[in-house]
Amino acid sequence: MSVSEKTIDLLGIGNAILDVLAYTEDSFLESWEMRKGDMALIDEARAEAIYNELGQTKEVSGGSVANSVAGLAMLGGTAAFIGRVKDDQFGKLYQHDLRSVGVQYDMAPLKEGLPTGCSYILVTPDGERTMNTYLGAGSEIYPDDIDEALVAQSKVVFGEGYQWSGDHNIAAMEKAFALAKKHNTKVAFSLSAVFCVELYREQFKALLDGTIDILFANDAEIQALYPDMAWEDLVDHLQGKAEIIALTRGEHGSLIITKDARLPIAPQPVSKVTDATGAGDLYAAGFLYGYTRGLPLARCGELGSLCAAQIIQQLGARSLEPLDRLVA
């Protein structure tokens, strides 16, 4: 199938996670020995203990790739998602939220077993977010859940480093990527978090050597992938590793690296950083929206920055304002 015949811009495969957001002080993180700004996987007991010590919370459907898929749909693109929830209260809320923004989400919920996953996102006064994630049903993605017809209909398949949490999840992602190559579908991938890179560094390097077409990472994640390289040497090394490598750099904007070019993208002005949750996810949404429309890479990066700037001025990673006005 040619790209022009494909009906889905972006197929995301990732953890279906309900975000539980709360404002906290740095001292709360310290008391729980949390690494500020990072994401840690936790078990059900720790999840319950953290929740019991939180004040007022806000619940919003989340998950890294799911946020990107939702963002692309809100921009006006076509999107689908593969991710597991349970048929419980949180799972029903999650399904409704994703479908309400126009995402095709047909994966059947679990009737028994693990509950819908939750991520406790603690936002400190500087707007930085620290995530503690209980995957729950979100970890129950298997190779049989990967629909070949859905992959074939998609221009881009987007996976996340967070899926490297179990052999069955990894096998599912590998199947999806293999089917993407078979059906002329681009493979996009997010390194997700420093701890993911530290645990699976060699596997992620192998993916970058021939599987990944579009890589998303922030400064800390890409430097964790190549911890012995200085920044300039690292950029030199990355050039030509994939069709596109998009590095988000916070207040410094982003850097798009191709075989033949390095394109610095300026950050968009922000009046106040309320919550950094989802900045990278929404950058990917804007970038991939432009990419699937064949826009110049500089414009793709600009759209990514616009979406990221929008999301960090609110609480949560699903935009409360229409995103399609950003591409008008």
Protein backbone atom coordinates (compact mmCIF):
# COMPACT_ATOMS: atom_id res chain seq x y z
CA MET A 1 0.00 0.00 0.00
CA SER A 2 1.37 3.42 -0.93
CA VAL A 3 1.56 6.15 1.69
CA SER A 4 -1.12 8.15 -0.12
CA GLU A 5 -3.56 5.25 0.30
CA LYS A 6 -3.07 4.95 4.07
CA THR A 7 -6.01 6.25 6.12
CA ILE A 8 -4.38 6.51 9.59
CA ASP A 9 -1.68 9.10 10.21
CA LEU A 10 -0.44 7.64 13.50
CA LEU A 11 -0.86 4.30 15.27
CA GLY A 12 0.36 4.45 18.86
CA ILE A 13 1.21 1.39 20.93
CA GLY A 14 1.79 2.01 24.61
CA ASN A 15 0.70 1.97 28.21
CA ALA A 16 -2.89 3.02 28.86
CA ILE A 17 -2.43 4.91 32.13
CA LEU A 18 -4.78 7.10 34.13
CA ASP A 19 -2.80 10.09 35.40
CA VAL A 20 -3.44 11.12 39.01
CA LEU A 21 -1.98 14.63 39.34
CA ALA A 22 -1.20 16.45 42.56
CA TYR A 23 0.81 19.49 43.60
CA THR A 24 3.54 18.67 46.12
CA GLU A 25 6.66 20.20 47.66
CA ASP A 26 10.22 19.03 47.02
CA SER A 27 10.27 17.70 50.57
CA PHE A 28 7.57 15.17 49.67
CA LEU A 29 9.78 13.76 46.91
CA GLU A 30 12.71 13.59 49.28
CA SER A 31 10.71 11.77 51.92
CA TRP A 32 9.85 9.08 49.37
CA GLU A 33 13.38 9.03 47.90
CA MET A 34 12.11 9.96 44.44
CA ARG A 35 14.42 11.27 41.70
CA LYS A 36 12.93 14.60 40.69
CA GLY A 37 11.80 14.81 37.07
CA ASP A 38 12.05 11.10 36.39
CA MET A 39 9.55 8.25 36.13
CA ALA A 40 9.72 5.13 38.30
CA LEU A 41 7.73 1.93 38.00
CA ILE A 42 6.07 0.98 41.27
CA ASP A 43 3.97 -1.90 42.57
CA GLU A 44 0.36 -1.74 43.70
CA ALA A 45 1.27 -1.44 47.40
CA ARG A 46 3.55 1.59 46.89
CA ALA A 47 0.94 3.16 44.59
CA GLU A 48 -1.68 2.91 47.31
CA ALA A 49 0.69 4.24 49.98
CA ILE A 50 1.64 7.30 47.88
CA TYR A 51 -1.99 8.03 47.06
CA ASN A 52 -2.95 7.93 50.74
CA GLU A 53 -0.48 10.75 51.50
CA LEU A 54 -1.53 13.03 48.67
CA GLY A 55 -3.84 15.99 49.03
CA GLN A 56 -6.29 17.03 46.33
CA THR A 57 -5.82 15.19 43.04
CA LYS A 58 -6.98 15.46 39.44
CA GLU A 59 -7.54 12.39 37.25
CA VAL A 60 -6.81 12.59 33.51
CA SER A 61 -6.30 9.84 30.93
CA GLY A 62 -2.62 9.62 30.03
CA GLY A 63 0.26 7.42 28.95
CA SER A 64 3.14 8.80 26.88
CA VAL A 65 2.31 7.55 23.39
CA ALA A 66 -1.41 7.82 24.12
CA ASN A 67 -0.87 11.53 24.85
CA SER A 68 0.86 11.92 21.49
CA VAL A 69 -1.92 10.08 19.67
CA ALA A 70 -4.59 12.20 21.37
CA GLY A 71 -2.68 15.37 20.57
CA LEU A 72 -2.35 14.48 16.89
CA ALA A 73 -6.09 13.74 16.71
CA MET A 74 -6.87 17.09 18.35
CA LEU A 75 -4.72 18.80 15.73
CA GLY A 76 -6.97 17.29 13.05
CA GLY A 77 -5.06 14.13 12.15
CA THR A 78 -6.28 10.54 12.11
CA ALA A 79 -5.02 8.33 14.91
CA ALA A 80 -5.46 4.89 16.46
CA PHE A 81 -4.20 3.34 19.70
CA ILE A 82 -3.31 -0.11 21.00
CA GLY A 83 -3.20 -0.22 24.80
CA ARG A 84 -4.89 -2.24 27.54
CA VAL A 85 -7.24 -1.21 30.31
CA LYS A 86 -9.52 -3.24 32.56
CA ASP A 87 -13.30 -3.07 32.41
CA ASP A 88 -13.39 -1.01 35.62
CA GLN A 89 -14.28 2.59 36.47
CA PHE A 90 -10.87 3.98 35.49
CA GLY A 91 -10.79 1.86 32.33
CA LYS A 92 -14.17 3.15 31.17
CA LEU A 93 -13.06 6.72 31.86
CA TYR A 94 -9.88 6.12 29.90
CA GLN A 95 -11.70 4.69 26.87
CA HIS A 96 -14.17 7.57 26.84
CA ASP A 97 -11.46 10.23 27.06
CA LEU A 98 -9.43 8.82 24.18
CA ARG A 99 -12.39 8.24 21.89
CA SER A 100 -13.86 11.65 22.68
CA VAL A 101 -10.96 13.40 20.92
CA GLY A 102 -11.34 11.22 17.83
CA VAL A 103 -8.86 8.40 18.42
CA GLN A 104 -9.77 4.97 17.08
CA TYR A 105 -9.51 2.73 20.14
CA ASP A 106 -10.98 -0.75 19.65
CA MET A 107 -8.87 -2.90 21.99
CA ALA A 108 -11.08 -4.97 24.29
CA PRO A 109 -10.69 -4.29 28.03
CA LEU A 110 -9.76 -7.05 30.46
CA LYS A 111 -12.69 -8.63 32.29
CA GLU A 112 -10.47 -10.10 35.00
CA GLY A 113 -6.97 -9.62 36.37
CA LEU A 114 -4.99 -6.44 36.92
CA PRO A 115 -6.79 -3.08 37.34
CA THR A 116 -6.33 -0.17 34.95
CA GLY A 117 -2.89 1.34 35.39
CA CYS A 118 -2.30 4.67 37.15
CA SER A 119 0.57 7.15 37.24
CA TYR A 120 0.93 9.39 40.26
CA ILE A 121 2.31 12.62 38.85
CA LEU A 122 3.70 14.95 41.49
CA VAL A 123 4.08 18.55 40.36
CA THR A 124 6.47 20.74 42.36
CA PRO A 125 6.32 24.57 42.52
CA ASP A 126 8.81 24.90 39.63
CA GLY A 127 6.40 23.02 37.33
CA GLU A 128 8.60 19.92 37.16
CA ARG A 129 6.80 16.59 37.29
CA THR A 130 7.91 13.39 38.95
CA MET A 131 6.02 10.23 37.97
CA ASN A 132 5.39 7.02 39.87
CA THR A 133 3.65 4.53 37.63
CA TYR A 134 1.78 1.35 38.39
CA LEU A 135 1.29 -0.28 34.99
CA GLY A 136 -1.54 -2.61 35.98
CA ALA A 137 -3.49 -3.79 32.94
CA GLY A 138 -1.36 -1.49 30.77
CA SER A 139 1.41 -4.10 30.88
CA GLU A 140 -0.83 -6.75 29.30
CA ILE A 141 0.00 -6.22 25.62
CA TYR A 142 0.91 -9.36 23.67
CA PRO A 143 1.95 -10.04 20.07
CA ASP A 144 -1.57 -11.25 19.20
CA ASP A 145 -2.86 -7.77 20.09
CA ILE A 146 -0.97 -6.24 17.15
CA ASP A 147 -3.40 -5.92 14.25
CA GLU A 148 -1.53 -6.25 10.94
CA ALA A 149 -4.30 -4.50 9.00
CA LEU A 150 -4.13 -1.54 11.38
CA VAL A 151 -0.35 -1.30 10.94
CA ALA A 152 -0.72 -1.51 7.16
CA GLN A 153 -3.24 1.35 7.15
CA SER A 154 -0.94 3.62 9.19
CA LYS A 155 1.67 6.06 7.95
CA VAL A 156 3.62 5.89 11.23
CA VAL A 157 3.71 3.37 14.09
CA PHE A 158 4.84 4.97 17.36
CA GLY A 159 6.26 2.93 20.25
CA GLU A 160 7.65 3.90 23.64
CA GLY A 161 10.57 2.81 25.77
CA TYR A 162 8.13 2.27 28.63
CA GLN A 163 6.93 -0.87 26.81
CA TRP A 164 10.26 -2.54 27.55
CA SER A 165 8.82 -3.87 30.82
CA GLY A 166 8.25 -7.54 30.04
CA ASP A 167 9.09 -10.14 27.41
CA HIS A 168 5.55 -10.18 26.01
CA ASN A 169 5.47 -6.38 25.67
CA ILE A 170 8.81 -6.36 23.90
CA ALA A 171 7.68 -9.17 21.58
CA ALA A 172 4.55 -7.17 20.75
CA MET A 173 6.58 -4.07 19.88
CA GLU A 174 9.02 -6.09 17.79
CA LYS A 175 6.12 -7.60 15.86
CA ALA A 176 4.63 -4.17 15.25
CA PHE A 177 7.94 -2.80 13.99
CA ALA A 178 8.48 -5.81 11.70
CA LEU A 179 4.99 -5.37 10.24
CA ALA A 180 5.67 -1.68 9.75
CA LYS A 181 8.73 -2.49 7.63
CA LYS A 182 6.65 -4.99 5.66
CA HIS A 183 3.91 -2.47 4.90
CA ASN A 184 5.91 0.68 4.14
CA THR A 185 5.01 2.23 7.49
CA LYS A 186 7.51 4.45 9.30
CA VAL A 187 8.65 3.48 12.81
CA ALA A 188 8.80 6.23 15.43
CA PHE A 189 10.11 5.61 18.93
CA SER A 190 10.47 7.55 22.17
CA LEU A 191 13.21 6.70 24.66
CA SER A 192 10.64 7.68 27.34
CA ALA A 193 12.81 8.03 30.46
CA VAL A 194 16.39 7.80 31.69
CA PHE A 195 15.70 4.66 33.69
CA CYS A 196 14.37 2.91 30.57
CA VAL A 197 17.58 3.78 28.73
CA GLU A 198 19.76 2.64 31.60
CA LEU A 199 17.99 -0.72 31.75
CA TYR A 200 17.78 -1.37 28.00
CA ARG A 201 20.60 0.69 26.53
CA GLU A 202 21.96 -1.99 24.18
CA GLN A 203 18.49 -3.00 22.95
CA PHE A 204 17.64 0.64 22.18
CA LYS A 205 20.95 1.12 20.37
CA ALA A 206 20.16 -1.94 18.27
CA LEU A 207 16.75 -0.48 17.38
CA LEU A 208 18.43 2.73 16.29
CA ASP A 209 20.66 0.73 13.96
CA GLY A 210 18.13 -0.11 11.27
CA THR A 211 14.63 -0.22 12.82
CA ILE A 212 13.79 3.28 14.04
CA ASP A 213 13.03 5.91 11.39
CA ILE A 214 12.11 8.74 13.78
CA LEU A 215 13.55 8.96 17.30
CA PHE A 216 12.30 11.30 20.04
CA ALA A 217 14.38 11.94 23.15
CA ASN A 218 15.28 14.70 25.56
CA ASP A 219 18.83 15.71 26.50
CA ALA A 220 19.05 13.46 29.54
CA GLU A 221 17.71 10.41 27.71
CA ILE A 222 19.97 10.68 24.67
CA GLN A 223 23.02 11.27 26.85
CA ALA A 224 22.06 8.22 28.91
CA LEU A 225 22.05 6.22 25.67
CA TYR A 226 25.64 7.27 24.99
CA PRO A 227 26.97 8.16 28.47
CA ASP A 228 30.63 8.37 27.48
CA MET A 229 30.21 10.96 24.72
CA ALA A 230 30.50 14.72 24.98
CA TRP A 231 27.57 16.63 23.46
CA GLU A 232 29.20 17.61 20.17
CA ASP A 233 30.62 14.13 19.65
CA LEU A 234 27.18 12.69 20.40
CA VAL A 235 25.47 14.89 17.81
CA ASP A 236 28.11 13.87 15.25
CA HIS A 237 27.52 10.21 16.11
CA LEU A 238 23.74 10.52 15.79
CA GLN A 239 23.85 12.09 12.35
CA GLY A 240 22.65 9.44 9.92
CA LYS A 241 21.62 6.95 12.65
CA ALA A 242 17.97 7.39 11.68
CA GLU A 243 15.99 9.31 9.10
CA ILE A 244 15.13 11.88 11.78
CA ILE A 245 16.23 12.34 15.39
CA ALA A 246 14.31 15.02 17.30
CA LEU A 247 15.92 16.08 20.57
CA THR A 248 13.85 18.23 22.92
CA ARG A 249 15.94 20.60 25.02
CA GLY A 250 13.52 22.41 27.33
CA GLU A 251 14.07 26.16 27.37
CA HIS A 252 16.63 25.74 24.57
CA GLY A 253 14.01 24.47 22.12
CA SER A 254 14.83 21.38 20.11
CA LEU A 255 17.33 20.03 17.62
CA ILE A 256 16.36 18.00 14.57
CA ILE A 257 19.13 15.83 13.19
CA THR A 258 19.08 14.17 9.76
CA LYS A 259 21.82 12.62 7.68
CA ASP A 260 22.55 15.92 6.00
CA ALA A 261 21.37 18.62 8.39
CA ARG A 262 21.04 19.89 11.93
CA LEU A 263 18.02 22.14 12.42
CA PRO A 264 17.80 24.08 15.70
CA ILE A 265 14.18 24.91 16.56
CA ALA A 266 13.52 27.88 18.82
CA PRO A 267 11.26 27.39 21.85
CA GLN A 268 7.85 29.05 21.86
CA PRO A 269 7.21 31.79 24.44
CA VAL A 270 5.54 30.62 27.66
CA SER A 271 4.09 32.95 30.27
CA LYS A 272 4.35 30.43 33.11
CA VAL A 273 5.27 26.76 33.38
CA THR A 274 2.43 25.18 35.33
CA ASP A 275 3.20 21.50 34.76
CA ALA A 276 5.85 19.93 32.51
CA THR A 277 3.85 16.71 32.19
CA GLY A 278 3.44 15.72 28.55
CA ALA A 279 5.77 18.31 27.03
CA GLY A 280 7.72 15.69 25.07
CA ASP A 281 4.55 13.78 24.21
CA LEU A 282 2.88 16.84 22.72
CA TYR A 283 6.07 17.83 20.92
CA ALA A 284 5.91 14.43 19.21
CA ALA A 285 2.23 14.98 18.41
CA GLY A 286 2.88 18.28 16.66
CA PHE A 287 5.99 17.02 14.90
CA LEU A 288 4.29 13.86 13.59
CA TYR A 289 1.21 15.81 12.51
CA GLY A 290 3.44 17.89 10.29
CA TYR A 291 5.52 14.92 9.16
CA THR A 292 2.50 12.89 8.04
CA ARG A 293 1.44 15.86 5.93
CA GLY A 294 4.81 16.17 4.25
CA LEU A 295 5.64 19.54 5.77
CA PRO A 296 9.25 20.76 5.95
CA LEU A 297 11.09 19.49 9.02
CA ALA A 298 11.56 23.00 10.37
CA ARG A 299 7.78 23.46 10.34
CA CYS A 300 7.31 20.04 11.98
CA GLY A 301 9.63 21.13 14.78
CA GLU A 302 7.80 24.44 15.12
CA LEU A 303 4.47 22.61 15.46
CA GLY A 304 6.03 20.37 18.08
CA SER A 305 7.21 23.40 20.04
CA LEU A 306 3.82 25.08 19.78
CA CYS A 307 2.07 22.01 21.19
CA ALA A 308 4.64 21.57 23.96
CA ALA A 309 4.32 25.24 24.97
CA GLN A 310 0.55 24.88 25.08
CA ILE A 311 0.57 21.84 27.35
CA ILE A 312 3.07 23.04 29.96
CA GLN A 313 0.86 26.02 30.79
CA GLN A 314 -1.87 23.78 32.21
CA LEU A 315 -2.17 20.84 34.59
CA GLY A 316 -2.10 17.47 32.83
CA ALA A 317 -1.02 16.16 29.44
CA ARG A 318 -4.32 16.40 27.57
CA SER A 319 -4.91 19.90 26.24
CA LEU A 320 -7.84 21.80 27.73
CA GLU A 321 -7.78 24.14 24.72
CA PRO A 322 -8.35 23.28 21.05
CA LEU A 323 -5.05 22.37 19.41
CA ASP A 324 -6.18 22.74 15.81
CA ARG A 325 -5.92 26.53 16.12
CA LEU A 326 -2.15 26.06 16.29
CA VAL A 327 -2.07 24.81 12.69
CA ALA A 328 -4.56 27.27 11.26
